Amino acid sequence: MAVRTTSAKAAGAAAEGRLTALLTAAMAFSMLQLFLLGALGPRLVGELGVSPTALGLTTTIGFATAAVLSPVGGRMVDRTGPRRSLVVLLLVSAAALALIGAAPGPGFLLAAVALGGLPQALANPATNKAVLAAVPPSRRGAVTGMKQSGVQLGAFAAGLPLAALAGGVGWRGAVWTASTAAVLAALWAHRALPADPPARAAAPHPSPVPRGAIAWLAAFSLFLGCGIASVNTYVALFGAQRLGMGPTAAAALVAVLGIAGIAGRVGWSKAARPGRAEWLPGLLAAGAVLAAGLLAAALYVRPLVWIAAVAVGVFAVSGNAVSMVLVMQRAAPGRAGQDSALVAAGFFAGFAVGPPLFGRLAETGRYGPGWLLVAAEFAVAGAVATTWAVRERRRGTRTEVPA
């Protein structure tokens, strides 16, 4: 009997590991295009005639599309199930990457990025739904942290191996390599995930407006996204233009940010237990303010840029993973996909707004004020999160609602 129990536990752990790996890959591919554009920014500016402002517009268009589509994507996931949604996510990601690699100029590039907004809209609802369906509550925080770290795995892939590949085969070849990998991941999802139940009808009047904790988390995510998107989009260009770094070294800043984000998302998500999780977003936003200050200080002490990249990953990037753990703890029954999508929509809206504001400053080389703007955005996110946590403590709302 003991042998059977041990064998069953090992099989369960292996199945959870495979699911976690697949969901991590899906999260990585959902945003890989934007990390690639940031990491390859110096090459795009030089070879494709993309201005710093246009580079910021790629992020704006991609995330604006994702923000608009997120409520629809959330309802789609709730109706059709995670397997179908994840296969669609990965195939559309592959198509968007292929089109980016074929872009003859900035206009075509922006259209391809808009297509990539659909995978972003599906990513959090589909992966959260898969976690709720297959992972016991005691393990959800850890699995969520790991799969959310997939976004930063994408940043690492864009900033190091793919950027290095671009140095050998050109930036188009690197992007097409990523597209091929997304197709293979779609085949993996189709074969590995259990079949979805029959699609169910939509709720008669699903509300697209976030309420309660979901509304607070969406507002926190909006300002957090503004700051993170500016760093993701411009830190490599900042390193190349103002700190005298070569294209590969500048792209490595994105990789370092990605590695730190993986560690931060896994660690903080494990710590996000009910009663403690409510306070973590405000704490992480405070650390993010310090990280933005270090980026500004790097204008005078250049090595600080590496410490700043680590700090952005550990604090700012980790805030999104913790917010997703909180969504799963607070989601209304039957609305896990929709509530995840509403919080993600706030995050994506921030990603759409932040880079154009920063881009206007970067266009004239005013990176110092740009990083101070990012610090202010993180500070507002922290104020929103802390206000919500105080309200929650006063109400004594610390129970997890099953989704």
Protein backbone atom coordinates (compact mmCIF):
# COMPACT_ATOMS: atom_id res chain seq x y z
CA MET A 1 0.00 0.00 0.00
CA ALA A 2 2.83 2.39 0.86
CA VAL A 3 4.47 1.67 -2.49
CA ARG A 4 1.23 2.44 -4.31
CA THR A 5 0.78 5.68 -2.40
CA THR A 6 4.35 6.75 -3.17
CA SER A 7 3.89 5.83 -6.83
CA ALA A 8 0.64 7.80 -7.04
CA LYS A 9 2.28 10.85 -5.47
CA ALA A 10 5.19 10.63 -7.91
CA ALA A 11 2.81 10.34 -10.87
CA GLY A 12 0.80 13.31 -9.61
CA ALA A 13 3.93 15.40 -9.16
CA ALA A 14 5.12 14.50 -12.65
CA ALA A 15 1.75 15.42 -14.17
CA GLU A 16 1.79 18.73 -12.32
CA GLY A 17 5.32 19.38 -13.54
CA ARG A 18 4.33 18.77 -17.16
CA LEU A 19 1.29 21.02 -16.83
CA THR A 20 3.38 23.76 -15.21
CA ALA A 21 5.96 23.56 -18.01
CA LEU A 22 3.27 23.83 -20.69
CA LEU A 23 1.54 26.78 -19.02
CA THR A 24 4.90 28.49 -18.51
CA ALA A 25 5.65 28.12 -22.22
CA ALA A 26 2.23 29.51 -23.13
CA MET A 27 2.79 32.59 -20.99
CA ALA A 28 6.24 33.06 -22.55
CA PHE A 29 4.94 32.96 -26.11
CA SER A 30 1.96 35.21 -25.35
CA MET A 31 4.26 38.22 -24.90
CA LEU A 32 7.46 37.13 -26.61
CA GLN A 33 6.88 39.43 -29.58
CA LEU A 34 7.02 42.54 -27.41
CA PHE A 35 10.12 41.45 -25.53
CA LEU A 36 11.77 40.72 -28.85
CA LEU A 37 10.93 44.18 -30.13
CA GLY A 38 12.42 45.70 -26.99
CA ALA A 39 15.57 43.56 -27.06
CA LEU A 40 16.04 44.07 -30.80
CA GLY A 41 15.18 47.77 -30.56
CA PRO A 42 18.69 49.02 -31.43
CA ARG A 43 18.73 46.80 -34.55
CA LEU A 44 15.21 47.86 -35.60
CA VAL A 45 16.04 51.53 -35.20
CA GLY A 46 19.11 51.06 -37.38
CA GLU A 47 17.88 48.59 -40.02
CA LEU A 48 14.12 49.10 -40.34
CA GLY A 49 13.95 52.86 -39.78
CA VAL A 50 11.86 52.55 -36.61
CA SER A 51 12.04 55.70 -34.50
CA PRO A 52 12.05 55.53 -30.67
CA THR A 53 8.47 56.84 -30.68
CA ALA A 54 7.39 54.17 -33.17
CA LEU A 55 9.12 51.55 -31.04
CA GLY A 56 6.96 52.66 -28.13
CA LEU A 57 3.88 52.47 -30.36
CA THR A 58 4.50 48.76 -30.92
CA THR A 59 3.92 48.18 -27.23
CA THR A 60 0.95 50.56 -27.20
CA ILE A 61 -0.83 48.86 -30.09
CA GLY A 62 -0.14 45.35 -28.84
CA PHE A 63 -1.40 45.99 -25.35
CA ALA A 64 -4.27 48.26 -26.36
CA THR A 65 -5.53 45.39 -28.53
CA ALA A 66 -5.04 42.97 -25.64
CA ALA A 67 -6.88 45.29 -23.21
CA VAL A 68 -9.87 45.62 -25.55
CA LEU A 69 -10.01 41.88 -26.27
CA SER A 70 -9.41 40.69 -22.69
CA PRO A 71 -13.05 40.70 -21.49
CA VAL A 72 -14.08 38.80 -24.64
CA GLY A 73 -11.14 36.43 -24.20
CA GLY A 74 -12.08 35.76 -20.60
CA ARG A 75 -15.65 34.85 -21.53
CA MET A 76 -14.33 32.66 -24.36
CA VAL A 77 -12.12 30.72 -21.95
CA ASP A 78 -14.97 30.26 -19.47
CA ARG A 79 -17.18 28.91 -22.28
CA THR A 80 -14.77 26.76 -24.30
CA GLY A 81 -12.13 25.61 -21.82
CA PRO A 82 -8.37 26.02 -21.47
CA ARG A 83 -7.18 23.46 -24.04
CA ARG A 84 -8.84 25.07 -27.06
CA SER A 85 -7.87 28.52 -25.82
CA LEU A 86 -4.20 27.61 -25.33
CA VAL A 87 -3.91 26.05 -28.80
CA VAL A 88 -5.41 29.20 -30.35
CA LEU A 89 -3.08 31.36 -28.24
CA LEU A 90 0.04 29.58 -29.44
CA LEU A 91 -0.94 29.41 -33.11
CA VAL A 92 -1.81 33.10 -33.26
CA SER A 93 1.46 33.90 -31.47
CA ALA A 94 3.30 31.97 -34.17
CA ALA A 95 1.47 33.88 -36.91
CA ALA A 96 2.20 37.26 -35.31
CA LEU A 97 5.90 36.44 -34.93
CA ALA A 98 6.12 35.25 -38.55
CA LEU A 99 4.57 38.50 -39.77
CA ILE A 100 6.90 40.59 -37.61
CA GLY A 101 9.84 38.77 -39.18
CA ALA A 102 8.48 39.60 -42.65
CA ALA A 103 7.74 43.28 -41.90
CA PRO A 104 9.12 45.59 -44.63
CA GLY A 105 8.59 48.73 -42.57
CA PRO A 106 7.08 50.26 -39.42
CA GLY A 107 3.44 50.16 -40.65
CA PHE A 108 3.42 46.42 -41.34
CA LEU A 109 5.25 45.85 -38.06
CA LEU A 110 2.53 47.65 -36.11
CA ALA A 111 -0.20 45.59 -37.80
CA ALA A 112 1.57 42.34 -36.89
CA VAL A 113 1.92 43.50 -33.30
CA ALA A 114 -1.83 44.21 -33.15
CA LEU A 115 -2.51 40.58 -34.11
CA GLY A 116 -0.31 39.55 -31.19
CA GLY A 117 -2.77 41.23 -28.82
CA LEU A 118 -5.10 38.20 -29.02
CA PRO A 119 -2.66 35.73 -27.40
CA GLN A 120 -2.04 38.25 -24.63
CA ALA A 121 -5.79 38.53 -24.01
CA LEU A 122 -6.14 34.75 -23.71
CA ALA A 123 -3.00 34.00 -21.68
CA ASN A 124 -4.00 34.78 -18.09
CA PRO A 125 -7.61 33.52 -18.30
CA ALA A 126 -6.64 30.26 -20.03
CA THR A 127 -3.69 29.41 -17.80
CA ASN A 128 -5.51 30.42 -14.59
CA LYS A 129 -8.47 28.26 -15.61
CA ALA A 130 -6.12 25.32 -16.20
CA VAL A 131 -4.57 25.78 -12.75
CA LEU A 132 -7.97 25.91 -11.04
CA ALA A 133 -9.08 22.79 -12.89
CA ALA A 134 -6.03 20.61 -12.25
CA VAL A 135 -4.08 21.88 -9.23
CA PRO A 136 -5.13 21.52 -5.57
CA PRO A 137 -5.56 24.80 -3.64
CA SER A 138 -2.45 24.22 -1.54
CA ARG A 139 -0.27 24.14 -4.68
CA ARG A 140 -1.91 26.89 -6.72
CA GLY A 141 0.30 29.71 -5.48
CA ALA A 142 3.49 27.87 -6.41
CA VAL A 143 2.20 26.73 -9.80
CA THR A 144 0.84 30.20 -10.57
CA GLY A 145 4.19 31.77 -9.74
CA MET A 146 5.97 29.33 -12.03
CA LYS A 147 3.61 29.78 -14.98
CA GLN A 148 3.56 33.58 -14.56
CA SER A 149 7.36 33.46 -14.63
CA GLY A 150 6.94 32.27 -18.21
CA VAL A 151 6.52 35.90 -19.22
CA GLN A 152 9.97 36.62 -17.85
CA LEU A 153 11.30 33.46 -19.44
CA GLY A 154 10.21 35.10 -22.68
CA ALA A 155 12.13 38.22 -21.70
CA PHE A 156 15.22 36.11 -21.04
CA ALA A 157 14.85 34.29 -24.36
CA ALA A 158 14.47 37.59 -26.20
CA GLY A 159 17.32 39.29 -24.41
CA LEU A 160 19.96 36.57 -24.62
CA PRO A 161 19.65 33.52 -26.92
CA LEU A 162 17.42 35.12 -29.54
CA ALA A 163 19.34 38.41 -29.48
CA ALA A 164 22.58 36.45 -29.85
CA LEU A 165 21.01 34.47 -32.71
CA ALA A 166 20.07 37.77 -34.36
CA GLY A 167 23.75 38.67 -34.35
CA GLY A 168 24.44 35.62 -36.49
CA VAL A 169 21.42 35.11 -38.74
CA GLY A 170 19.84 38.58 -38.56
CA TRP A 171 16.90 39.79 -36.53
CA ARG A 172 14.36 38.34 -38.99
CA GLY A 173 15.84 34.86 -38.68
CA ALA A 174 15.69 35.09 -34.89
CA VAL A 175 12.00 36.08 -34.96
CA TRP A 176 11.13 33.30 -37.41
CA THR A 177 12.89 30.80 -35.14
CA ALA A 178 10.62 31.92 -32.29
CA SER A 179 7.58 31.53 -34.58
CA THR A 180 8.50 27.92 -35.35
CA ALA A 181 8.89 27.17 -31.65
CA ALA A 182 5.38 28.54 -30.99
CA VAL A 183 3.91 26.13 -33.56
CA LEU A 184 5.64 23.23 -31.82
CA ALA A 185 4.24 24.40 -28.48
CA ALA A 186 0.73 24.46 -29.95
CA LEU A 187 1.11 20.81 -30.98
CA TRP A 188 2.35 20.02 -27.47
CA ALA A 189 -0.72 21.68 -25.91
CA HIS A 190 -3.10 19.81 -28.21
CA ARG A 191 -1.55 16.44 -27.35
CA ALA A 192 -0.84 16.97 -23.65
CA LEU A 193 -3.98 18.64 -22.28
CA PRO A 194 -7.19 16.72 -21.59
CA ALA A 195 -10.11 17.45 -23.88
CA ASP A 196 -12.28 20.39 -22.86
CA PRO A 197 -15.88 19.74 -21.87
CA PRO A 198 -18.51 20.78 -24.43
CA ALA A 199 -18.64 24.52 -24.86
CA ARG A 200 -21.32 26.04 -22.68
CA ALA A 201 -23.54 28.99 -23.38
CA ALA A 202 -22.48 32.39 -22.16
CA ALA A 203 -24.09 33.90 -19.09
CA PRO A 204 -27.14 35.98 -20.02
CA HIS A 205 -25.62 39.31 -19.01
CA PRO A 206 -21.94 38.93 -18.09
CA SER A 207 -20.72 42.14 -16.49
CA PRO A 208 -17.60 43.59 -18.13
CA VAL A 209 -17.06 45.94 -15.18
CA PRO A 210 -14.67 44.78 -12.42
CA ARG A 211 -16.10 44.98 -8.92
CA GLY A 212 -14.78 44.70 -5.39
CA ALA A 213 -11.29 43.23 -5.07
CA ILE A 214 -11.10 42.68 -8.83
CA ALA A 215 -11.59 46.42 -9.44
CA TRP A 216 -8.79 47.33 -7.00
CA LEU A 217 -6.45 44.78 -8.54
CA ALA A 218 -7.25 46.08 -12.03
CA ALA A 219 -6.39 49.65 -10.95
CA PHE A 220 -3.16 48.50 -9.31
CA SER A 221 -2.27 46.58 -12.47
CA LEU A 222 -2.93 49.64 -14.67
CA PHE A 223 -0.24 51.77 -13.01
CA LEU A 224 2.12 48.82 -12.51
CA GLY A 225 1.83 48.04 -16.23
CA CYS A 226 2.64 51.65 -17.19
CA GLY A 227 6.01 51.43 -15.46
CA ILE A 228 6.96 47.88 -16.42
CA ALA A 229 6.16 48.46 -20.10
CA SER A 230 8.39 51.53 -20.23
CA VAL A 231 11.30 49.58 -18.75
CA ASN A 232 10.76 46.58 -21.03
CA THR A 233 10.56 48.73 -24.15
CA TYR A 234 13.33 51.24 -23.51
CA VAL A 235 15.93 49.79 -21.15
CA ALA A 236 17.95 48.24 -24.01
CA LEU A 237 17.77 51.45 -26.04
CA PHE A 238 18.75 53.41 -22.92
CA GLY A 239 21.79 51.19 -22.48
CA ALA A 240 22.81 51.60 -26.13
CA GLN A 241 22.15 55.33 -26.51
CA ARG A 242 23.10 56.76 -23.12
CA LEU A 243 25.36 54.21 -21.43
CA GLY A 244 27.54 53.28 -24.41
CA MET A 245 26.60 49.60 -24.47
CA GLY A 246 26.70 47.48 -27.65
CA PRO A 247 23.44 45.98 -29.01
CA THR A 248 24.05 42.52 -27.51
CA ALA A 249 25.06 43.87 -24.09
CA ALA A 250 22.09 46.25 -24.08
CA ALA A 251 19.74 43.37 -24.94
CA ALA A 252 21.26 41.41 -22.03
CA LEU A 253 19.63 43.96 -19.70
CA VAL A 254 16.28 42.53 -20.78
CA ALA A 255 17.59 39.02 -20.10
CA VAL A 256 18.78 39.97 -16.62
CA LEU A 257 15.41 41.56 -15.89
CA GLY A 258 13.76 38.35 -17.09
CA ILE A 259 15.84 36.06 -14.87
CA ALA A 260 15.18 38.23 -11.82
CA GLY A 261 11.49 38.30 -12.69
CA ILE A 262 11.33 34.51 -12.79
CA ALA A 263 12.84 34.21 -9.32
CA GLY A 264 10.66 37.01 -7.97
CA ARG A 265 7.40 35.68 -9.40
CA VAL A 266 7.99 32.17 -8.08
CA GLY A 267 9.11 33.32 -4.64
CA TRP A 268 6.50 35.99 -4.02
CA SER A 269 3.65 33.83 -5.35
CA LYS A 270 4.56 31.07 -2.92
CA ALA A 271 4.42 33.64 -0.13
CA ALA A 272 1.00 34.95 -1.24
CA ARG A 273 -1.15 33.09 1.24
CA PRO A 274 -4.57 34.52 2.24
CA GLY A 275 -4.06 37.11 4.97
CA ARG A 276 -0.55 37.94 3.73
CA ALA A 277 -1.13 38.20 -0.01
CA GLU A 278 -3.19 41.39 0.31
CA TRP A 279 -0.16 43.33 1.56
CA LEU A 280 2.33 42.11 -1.01
CA PRO A 281 1.32 44.32 -3.99
CA GLY A 282 2.00 47.49 -2.01
CA LEU A 283 5.32 46.14 -0.77
CA LEU A 284 6.41 45.14 -4.27
CA ALA A 285 5.40 48.52 -5.69
CA ALA A 286 7.58 50.25 -3.08
CA GLY A 287 10.54 48.16 -4.21
CA ALA A 288 9.72 49.05 -7.81
CA VAL A 289 9.95 52.77 -7.00
CA LEU A 290 13.48 52.18 -5.72
CA ALA A 291 14.34 50.25 -8.90
CA ALA A 292 13.20 53.13 -11.12
CA GLY A 293 15.32 55.50 -9.05
CA LEU A 294 18.35 53.29 -9.69
CA LEU A 295 17.74 53.51 -13.44
CA ALA A 296 17.82 57.29 -13.20
CA ALA A 297 20.99 57.12 -11.10
CA ALA A 298 22.64 54.91 -13.74
CA LEU A 299 23.09 58.05 -15.86
CA TYR A 300 25.77 59.01 -13.34
CA VAL A 301 26.94 55.58 -12.10
CA ARG A 302 26.57 53.24 -15.08
CA PRO A 303 26.94 49.85 -13.31
CA LEU A 304 23.75 50.65 -11.37
CA VAL A 305 21.77 49.80 -14.50
CA TRP A 306 22.38 46.09 -13.84
CA ILE A 307 21.21 46.34 -10.23
CA ALA A 308 18.19 48.29 -11.42
CA ALA A 309 17.29 45.59 -13.96
CA VAL A 310 17.41 42.96 -11.21
CA ALA A 311 15.28 45.11 -8.90
CA VAL A 312 12.64 45.74 -11.58
CA GLY A 313 12.35 41.98 -12.06
CA VAL A 314 12.23 41.09 -8.37
CA PHE A 315 9.72 43.79 -7.38
CA ALA A 316 7.78 45.34 -10.27
CA VAL A 317 7.44 42.29 -12.49
CA SER A 318 6.52 40.06 -9.55
CA GLY A 319 3.53 42.25 -8.70
CA ASN A 320 1.56 40.87 -11.63
CA ALA A 321 2.02 37.27 -10.49
CA VAL A 322 0.83 38.09 -6.98
CA SER A 323 -2.22 39.87 -8.39
CA MET A 324 -3.11 36.70 -10.35
CA VAL A 325 -2.85 34.61 -7.17
CA LEU A 326 -5.21 37.08 -5.52
CA VAL A 327 -7.63 36.81 -8.47
CA MET A 328 -7.83 33.05 -8.04
CA GLN A 329 -8.40 33.48 -4.31
CA ARG A 330 -11.16 36.05 -4.87
CA ALA A 331 -12.77 35.09 -8.22
CA ALA A 332 -16.53 34.56 -8.16
CA PRO A 333 -17.70 31.00 -8.93
CA GLY A 334 -17.68 30.39 -12.68
CA ARG A 335 -15.90 33.70 -13.39
CA ALA A 336 -12.24 32.75 -13.00
CA GLY A 337 -11.55 33.40 -16.68
CA GLN A 338 -13.53 36.63 -16.81
CA ASP A 339 -12.10 38.04 -13.56
CA SER A 340 -8.56 37.13 -14.63
CA ALA A 341 -9.20 38.90 -17.92
CA LEU A 342 -10.48 42.06 -16.25
CA VAL A 343 -7.38 42.38 -14.07
CA ALA A 344 -5.21 41.57 -17.10
CA ALA A 345 -7.05 44.25 -19.08
CA GLY A 346 -5.94 46.84 -16.51
CA PHE A 347 -2.36 45.60 -16.80
CA PHE A 348 -2.48 45.68 -20.60
CA ALA A 349 -4.00 49.16 -20.60
CA GLY A 350 -1.01 50.30 -18.55
CA PHE A 351 1.32 48.69 -21.07
CA ALA A 352 -0.47 50.62 -23.82
CA VAL A 353 -0.25 54.00 -22.04
CA GLY A 354 3.22 53.90 -20.47
CA PRO A 355 5.62 53.59 -23.43
CA PRO A 356 4.22 56.52 -25.50
CA LEU A 357 4.61 58.81 -22.50
CA PHE A 358 8.16 57.59 -21.96
CA GLY A 359 8.86 57.61 -25.70
CA ARG A 360 8.32 61.36 -25.95
CA LEU A 361 11.06 61.86 -23.39
CA ALA A 362 13.34 59.22 -24.97
CA GLU A 363 12.97 60.91 -28.37
CA THR A 364 14.83 63.93 -26.97
CA GLY A 365 17.26 61.89 -24.85
CA ARG A 366 15.60 62.83 -21.53
CA TYR A 367 15.91 59.42 -19.92
CA GLY A 368 16.37 60.81 -16.40
CA PRO A 369 12.89 62.41 -16.28
CA GLY A 370 11.57 59.28 -18.01
CA TRP A 371 12.73 57.00 -15.20
CA LEU A 372 11.33 59.43 -12.62
CA LEU A 373 7.99 59.21 -14.44
CA VAL A 374 8.20 55.41 -14.11
CA ALA A 375 8.92 55.81 -10.38
CA ALA A 376 5.79 57.96 -10.04
CA GLU A 377 3.68 55.33 -11.82
CA PHE A 378 4.94 52.64 -9.46
CA ALA A 379 4.23 54.92 -6.50
CA VAL A 380 0.59 55.34 -7.56
CA ALA A 381 0.28 51.57 -7.96
CA GLY A 382 1.61 51.18 -4.42
CA ALA A 383 -0.87 53.72 -3.06
CA VAL A 384 -3.79 51.90 -4.69
CA ALA A 385 -2.62 48.51 -3.40
CA THR A 386 -2.01 49.73 0.13
CA THR A 387 -5.38 51.50 0.31
CA TRP A 388 -7.10 48.26 -0.76
CA ALA A 389 -5.13 46.18 1.77
CA VAL A 390 -6.11 48.54 4.59
CA ARG A 391 -9.77 48.33 3.54
CA GLU A 392 -9.55 44.55 3.46
CA ARG A 393 -8.06 44.42 6.94
CA ARG A 394 -10.81 46.64 8.29
CA ARG A 395 -13.45 44.43 6.70
CA GLY A 396 -11.69 41.27 7.87
CA THR A 397 -12.04 39.70 4.39
CA ARG A 398 -9.39 37.04 4.22
CA THR A 399 -11.26 33.95 3.08
CA GLU A 400 -10.62 32.25 -0.24
CA VAL A 401 -13.67 31.90 -2.48
CA PRO A 402 -13.58 28.78 -4.69
CA ALA A 403 -13.76 29.47 -8.41
